[in-house]
Amino acid sequence: MIWKSPAAALLRLTASVLGAAALAACSSSDEPVATRQVTLMPDPAHVCDFCERLNEPAEPFQVYGDTYYVGTAMISSVLIASDDGLVLINGGMTQTAPQIAANIEALGFSLGDLRLILNTHAHFDHAGGIAALARATGAKVAATERGVEALKQGRPTEDDPQRAMEDNVFPAVPQAQAVADGDTLEVGDITVTAHYTPAHTPGSAAWSWRSCEEELCLDVVFADSFSTRSGAGFRFTGDDDNPSRVDAFRSAVATVADLPCDVLLTPSPLSFGVKEKLAARAEDPTVNPFVDSGACRAYAASGAAGLEKRIAEETAEQ
């Protein structure tokens, strides 16, 4: 599936000449990169006891090649840059959208070049900013079939472990489009593959692509959460109202473990050690700690252990 450039944008969030030049510098071409001026009008801030902490600002940084971190200190958003447009994965909370936009610009790119927004799972802290970012830029929005169901209604699906949490709502994204398991989406020379991983939510996805630095191209995976956090009364082992989620969860874990993976990214920067890895890279700039061919397998193993712990807890409650 190839996403084409959206129609002209709204009013203006000015992209500087320097920003355009920086984007052009990432290209193998000497041609200048055309940027559009857009206006980001964020939706009302989400209110929760820990929202201020979730939205704590973080400096954007290059992960590897054309892959950049543009999220907050507690919520990951990732940018993939091509000469023909940008791809964003996850939109944080509603109040995170301006930070994501500012981080994109701080890296020298233009928000107006955003062409595609992907989502790992549709909860308020990872999908809340998508509606505003898509409105401003005309970017296409894609997720799994169940993920799109949640995005279109602005809250988790009925069988989502966190459906019962009343504050887990966000602005609906009615234009979201579903991709099948294994589908690929292209923006310029970026090719992103969807992998269904229905663990944390029924609509969870991992997204994978290749990023290159000079002649070395690596496999990057943005894997969804394996957290078993849920609303009151939900059972992963199933009950009279819900079938067991155990087999689907285990299959999702196996999918991530088997993916070609040199660089792991996750919805929480804590889960892939951003703070520690940035400190290590600052100490020795010749080494990139984000490159770890065993990271996906280790992350999957941790997810499997978390599920087994949850199963044991639910069994003990019977």
Protein backbone atom coordinates (compact mmCIF):
# COMPACT_ATOMS: atom_id res chain seq x y z
CA MET A 1 0.00 0.00 0.00
CA ILE A 2 1.51 3.35 -1.02
CA TRP A 3 0.30 6.48 0.70
CA LYS A 4 0.22 9.53 -1.49
CA SER A 5 0.77 13.10 -0.35
CA PRO A 6 -2.33 14.60 1.30
CA ALA A 7 -4.06 17.74 0.11
CA ALA A 8 -2.87 21.22 1.00
CA ALA A 9 -2.72 21.90 4.72
CA LEU A 10 -4.47 24.47 6.90
CA LEU A 11 -2.93 27.75 8.00
CA ARG A 12 0.60 27.81 9.38
CA LEU A 13 3.15 26.46 11.74
CA THR A 14 6.15 28.00 10.01
CA ALA A 15 8.91 25.68 8.88
CA SER A 16 12.19 27.56 8.82
CA VAL A 17 14.53 27.60 5.86
CA LEU A 18 17.06 25.93 8.14
CA GLY A 19 14.58 23.12 8.83
CA ALA A 20 14.01 22.56 5.13
CA ALA A 21 17.75 22.52 4.52
CA ALA A 22 18.26 19.97 7.29
CA LEU A 23 15.64 17.69 5.77
CA ALA A 24 17.28 18.09 2.38
CA ALA A 25 20.60 17.12 3.94
CA CYS A 26 19.16 13.71 4.76
CA SER A 27 18.57 13.13 1.07
CA SER A 28 20.93 11.72 -1.51
CA SER A 29 19.58 14.41 -3.84
CA ASP A 30 20.72 18.02 -4.02
CA GLU A 31 17.18 19.16 -4.79
CA PRO A 32 15.57 21.35 -2.10
CA VAL A 33 12.78 19.77 -0.09
CA ALA A 34 9.42 21.49 -0.43
CA THR A 35 7.71 22.04 2.92
CA ARG A 36 4.15 23.01 3.73
CA GLN A 37 3.01 25.39 6.44
CA VAL A 38 0.44 23.91 8.82
CA THR A 39 -1.41 24.86 11.96
CA LEU A 40 -1.67 22.40 14.84
CA MET A 41 -4.77 22.97 16.95
CA PRO A 42 -4.58 20.47 19.81
CA ASP A 43 -7.66 18.97 21.43
CA PRO A 44 -8.42 19.68 25.11
CA ALA A 45 -5.88 18.25 27.53
CA HIS A 46 -6.59 14.83 28.97
CA VAL A 47 -7.07 14.99 32.73
CA CYS A 48 -5.69 12.30 35.03
CA ASP A 49 -3.70 12.10 38.26
CA PHE A 50 -0.47 11.21 36.44
CA CYS A 51 -0.93 13.08 33.15
CA GLU A 52 1.54 15.82 34.03
CA ARG A 53 4.22 13.21 34.63
CA LEU A 54 3.37 11.40 31.40
CA ASN A 55 3.73 14.64 29.47
CA GLU A 56 7.13 15.61 30.93
CA PRO A 57 9.17 16.98 27.98
CA ALA A 58 12.16 15.16 26.51
CA GLU A 59 14.76 16.24 24.00
CA PRO A 60 14.29 14.54 20.61
CA PHE A 61 17.17 12.45 19.34
CA GLN A 62 18.30 10.21 16.52
CA VAL A 63 17.97 6.52 17.33
CA TYR A 64 19.57 5.12 14.19
CA GLY A 65 19.64 6.21 10.57
CA ASP A 66 16.33 7.78 9.57
CA THR A 67 14.67 6.83 12.88
CA TYR A 68 14.17 9.47 15.60
CA TYR A 69 12.58 9.69 19.05
CA VAL A 70 10.10 12.60 19.30
CA GLY A 71 8.03 11.63 22.35
CA THR A 72 8.00 12.69 25.99
CA ALA A 73 10.08 11.38 28.89
CA MET A 74 7.36 8.79 29.59
CA ILE A 75 5.50 8.19 26.30
CA SER A 76 7.26 7.14 23.11
CA SER A 77 6.57 8.60 19.69
CA VAL A 78 8.90 7.73 16.83
CA LEU A 79 9.56 9.53 13.57
CA ILE A 80 10.86 7.91 10.38
CA ALA A 81 12.13 10.41 7.81
CA SER A 82 12.31 10.11 4.05
CA ASP A 83 12.90 12.69 1.35
CA ASP A 84 9.27 12.29 0.27
CA GLY A 85 7.62 12.62 3.68
CA LEU A 86 7.57 11.59 7.31
CA VAL A 87 6.02 8.69 9.20
CA LEU A 88 5.01 9.01 12.86
CA ILE A 89 4.25 6.12 15.20
CA ASN A 90 1.96 6.98 18.14
CA GLY A 91 0.62 10.39 19.09
CA GLY A 92 0.83 10.49 22.89
CA MET A 93 -1.96 12.24 24.82
CA THR A 94 -3.95 15.16 23.43
CA GLN A 95 -1.59 17.58 25.20
CA THR A 96 1.43 15.73 23.81
CA ALA A 97 0.70 16.65 20.18
CA PRO A 98 2.33 20.12 20.43
CA GLN A 99 5.45 18.56 21.96
CA ILE A 100 5.67 16.02 19.16
CA ALA A 101 5.29 18.80 16.59
CA ALA A 102 7.96 20.91 18.32
CA ASN A 103 10.32 17.93 18.53
CA ILE A 104 9.90 17.20 14.83
CA GLU A 105 10.74 20.82 14.02
CA ALA A 106 13.67 20.83 16.48
CA LEU A 107 15.24 17.97 14.55
CA GLY A 108 15.12 20.10 11.41
CA PHE A 109 12.07 18.49 9.80
CA SER A 110 8.73 20.07 9.00
CA LEU A 111 5.43 18.94 10.50
CA GLY A 112 3.91 19.76 7.13
CA ASP A 113 5.80 16.81 5.63
CA LEU A 114 4.01 14.28 7.84
CA ARG A 115 2.32 11.78 5.51
CA LEU A 116 1.44 8.76 7.66
CA ILE A 117 0.58 8.17 11.32
CA LEU A 118 0.63 4.64 12.73
CA ASN A 119 -0.62 3.41 16.11
CA THR A 120 0.54 0.51 18.27
CA HIS A 121 -2.57 0.55 20.46
CA ALA A 122 -5.54 2.85 20.95
CA HIS A 123 -5.40 4.11 24.53
CA PHE A 124 -5.52 7.77 25.57
CA ASP A 125 -1.77 7.98 26.22
CA HIS A 126 -0.68 6.69 22.81
CA ALA A 127 -3.55 7.71 20.51
CA GLY A 128 -4.80 10.96 22.08
CA GLY A 129 -2.76 13.30 19.88
CA ILE A 130 -3.39 11.51 16.59
CA ALA A 131 -6.60 13.35 15.69
CA ALA A 132 -5.01 16.80 15.98
CA LEU A 133 -1.83 15.80 14.15
CA ALA A 134 -3.85 14.25 11.32
CA ARG A 135 -6.15 17.28 11.09
CA ALA A 136 -3.22 19.66 10.82
CA THR A 137 -1.22 17.73 8.25
CA GLY A 138 -3.73 15.65 6.31
CA ALA A 139 -1.63 12.59 7.14
CA LYS A 140 -3.18 9.18 6.63
CA VAL A 141 -3.78 7.14 9.82
CA ALA A 142 -3.40 3.36 9.93
CA ALA A 143 -3.72 0.60 12.53
CA THR A 144 -4.90 -2.99 12.82
CA GLU A 145 -8.57 -3.79 12.21
CA ARG A 146 -9.40 -3.82 15.93
CA GLY A 147 -7.14 -0.82 16.44
CA VAL A 148 -9.12 1.14 13.85
CA GLU A 149 -12.35 0.12 15.58
CA ALA A 150 -11.04 1.74 18.78
CA LEU A 151 -9.64 4.81 17.01
CA LYS A 152 -12.94 5.49 15.27
CA GLN A 153 -14.93 5.36 18.53
CA GLY A 154 -12.36 7.21 20.61
CA ARG A 155 -12.06 4.58 23.32
CA PRO A 156 -10.93 0.96 23.76
CA THR A 157 -13.05 -1.81 22.32
CA GLU A 158 -15.48 -3.73 24.53
CA ASP A 159 -13.03 -6.62 24.99
CA ASP A 160 -10.02 -4.42 25.79
CA PRO A 161 -8.56 -5.13 29.26
CA GLN A 162 -8.73 -1.39 30.04
CA ARG A 163 -12.24 -0.73 28.66
CA ALA A 164 -13.61 -0.38 32.20
CA MET A 165 -11.29 2.54 32.95
CA GLU A 166 -13.64 5.48 32.49
CA ASP A 167 -10.87 7.99 31.72
CA ASN A 168 -9.44 5.92 28.87
CA VAL A 169 -11.00 8.05 26.14
CA PHE A 170 -9.49 10.22 23.40
CA PRO A 171 -10.56 12.21 20.31
CA ALA A 172 -11.95 9.86 17.67
CA VAL A 173 -10.08 9.38 14.41
CA PRO A 174 -12.89 8.57 11.93
CA GLN A 175 -10.59 8.50 8.90
CA ALA A 176 -8.34 5.74 10.31
CA GLN A 177 -7.75 2.89 7.86
CA ALA A 178 -7.14 -0.75 8.69
CA VAL A 179 -4.14 -2.73 7.48
CA ALA A 180 -3.95 -6.50 7.45
CA ASP A 181 -1.36 -8.51 9.32
CA GLY A 182 1.79 -8.44 7.20
CA ASP A 183 0.73 -5.47 5.05
CA THR A 184 3.39 -2.95 4.09
CA LEU A 185 2.95 0.82 3.87
CA GLU A 186 5.30 3.04 1.88
CA VAL A 187 6.23 6.70 2.14
CA GLY A 188 9.10 7.51 -0.20
CA ASP A 189 11.81 4.95 0.48
CA ILE A 190 10.32 4.00 3.88
CA THR A 191 8.57 0.63 3.97
CA VAL A 192 6.83 -0.22 7.25
CA THR A 193 5.33 -3.66 7.91
CA ALA A 194 2.37 -4.30 10.24
CA HIS A 195 2.46 -7.26 12.63
CA TYR A 196 -0.67 -8.11 14.61
CA THR A 197 0.24 -8.64 18.28
CA PRO A 198 -3.06 -8.78 20.25
CA ALA A 199 -1.66 -8.87 23.78
CA HIS A 200 -1.95 -5.56 25.65
CA THR A 201 -5.07 -4.82 23.59
CA PRO A 202 -7.03 -6.81 20.98
CA GLY A 203 -5.83 -4.30 18.36
CA SER A 204 -2.17 -4.09 19.28
CA ALA A 205 0.48 -3.98 16.55
CA ALA A 206 4.22 -4.09 16.16
CA TRP A 207 5.67 -2.09 13.26
CA SER A 208 8.97 -2.93 11.59
CA TRP A 209 11.20 -1.22 9.01
CA ARG A 210 14.81 -0.90 7.89
CA SER A 211 17.00 2.07 8.78
CA CYS A 212 20.41 2.69 7.24
CA GLU A 213 23.55 4.59 8.19
CA GLU A 214 25.91 4.72 5.23
CA GLU A 215 26.16 1.08 4.12
CA LEU A 216 24.81 -0.55 7.30
CA CYS A 217 21.05 -1.20 7.28
CA LEU A 218 19.39 -2.55 10.43
CA ASP A 219 15.96 -3.92 11.31
CA VAL A 220 13.98 -1.66 13.63
CA VAL A 221 10.91 -2.88 15.54
CA PHE A 222 8.43 -0.72 17.41
CA ALA A 223 6.78 -3.46 19.50
CA ASP A 224 3.63 -2.78 21.46
CA SER A 225 3.35 -3.12 25.22
CA PHE A 226 2.98 -6.53 26.87
CA SER A 227 1.57 -4.99 30.04
CA THR A 228 -1.32 -6.89 31.64
CA ARG A 229 -2.67 -3.81 33.41
CA SER A 230 -6.44 -3.92 33.27
CA GLY A 231 -9.66 -2.51 34.63
CA ALA A 232 -11.39 -4.01 37.62
CA GLY A 233 -12.77 -7.49 37.05
CA PHE A 234 -11.02 -8.24 33.75
CA ARG A 235 -9.48 -11.71 33.47
CA PHE A 236 -6.96 -12.66 30.80
CA THR A 237 -7.90 -16.28 31.48
CA GLY A 238 -11.51 -15.50 30.54
CA ASP A 239 -14.86 -15.67 32.26
CA ASP A 240 -18.54 -16.05 31.41
CA ASP A 241 -18.50 -12.74 29.53
CA ASN A 242 -15.08 -12.89 27.83
CA PRO A 243 -13.09 -15.72 26.23
CA SER A 244 -9.53 -16.39 27.34
CA ARG A 245 -6.89 -14.04 25.93
CA VAL A 246 -4.00 -16.32 26.87
CA ASP A 247 -3.40 -18.02 23.51
CA ALA A 248 -3.55 -14.73 21.58
CA PHE A 249 -1.17 -13.11 24.07
CA ARG A 250 1.33 -15.96 23.79
CA SER A 251 1.12 -15.82 20.00
CA ALA A 252 1.82 -12.07 20.09
CA VAL A 253 4.87 -12.64 22.28
CA ALA A 254 6.15 -15.28 19.86
CA THR A 255 5.63 -12.93 16.90
CA VAL A 256 7.84 -10.24 18.45
CA ALA A 257 10.47 -12.76 19.53
CA ASP A 258 10.76 -14.05 15.96
CA LEU A 259 11.00 -10.68 14.17
CA PRO A 260 14.30 -9.63 12.60
CA CYS A 261 15.30 -7.04 15.18
CA ASP A 262 18.47 -5.00 15.66
CA VAL A 263 16.82 -2.01 17.35
CA LEU A 264 13.84 -2.28 19.72
CA LEU A 265 11.45 0.58 20.46
CA THR A 266 8.36 0.37 22.70
CA PRO A 267 5.46 2.63 23.78
CA SER A 268 7.22 3.37 27.07
CA PRO A 269 10.83 4.65 26.87
CA LEU A 270 11.43 2.97 30.22
CA SER A 271 10.87 -0.41 28.59
CA PHE A 272 13.80 -0.03 26.21
CA GLY A 273 16.09 1.91 28.52
CA VAL A 274 16.20 5.29 26.80
CA LYS A 275 17.74 7.17 29.74
CA GLU A 276 20.49 4.60 30.28
CA LYS A 277 21.26 4.23 26.58
CA LEU A 278 21.51 7.97 26.01
CA ALA A 279 23.89 8.23 28.96
CA ALA A 280 26.01 5.39 27.57
CA ARG A 281 26.10 6.98 24.11
CA ALA A 282 27.13 10.33 25.62
CA GLU A 283 29.99 8.61 27.39
CA ASP A 284 31.15 6.83 24.24
CA PRO A 285 29.72 8.36 21.02
CA THR A 286 31.39 5.67 18.90
CA VAL A 287 28.95 3.05 20.23
CA ASN A 288 25.17 3.06 19.68
CA PRO A 289 23.57 1.24 22.65
CA PHE A 290 20.20 1.18 20.89
CA VAL A 291 21.60 -1.47 18.56
CA ASP A 292 20.99 -4.81 20.29
CA SER A 293 20.10 -7.88 18.25
CA GLY A 294 18.78 -9.67 21.33
CA ALA A 295 16.46 -6.90 22.52
CA CYS A 296 13.24 -8.17 20.94
CA ARG A 297 13.74 -11.68 22.30
CA ALA A 298 14.45 -10.33 25.77
CA TYR A 299 11.41 -8.04 25.60
CA ALA A 300 9.22 -10.96 24.50
CA ALA A 301 10.56 -13.13 27.32
CA SER A 302 9.71 -10.42 29.82
CA GLY A 303 6.21 -10.17 28.34
CA ALA A 304 5.74 -13.93 28.60
CA ALA A 305 6.84 -13.87 32.24
CA GLY A 306 4.39 -11.06 32.97
CA LEU A 307 1.55 -13.03 31.44
CA GLU A 308 2.37 -16.15 33.44
CA LYS A 309 2.43 -14.05 36.62
CA ARG A 310 -0.99 -12.65 35.77
CA ILE A 311 -2.35 -16.15 35.04
CA ALA A 312 -1.08 -17.35 38.42
CA GLU A 313 -2.74 -14.41 40.17
CA GLU A 314 -6.06 -15.03 38.44
CA THR A 315 -5.90 -18.75 39.21
CA ALA A 316 -5.19 -18.03 42.87
CA GLU A 317 -8.27 -15.80 43.06
CA GLN A 318 -10.61 -18.59 41.97
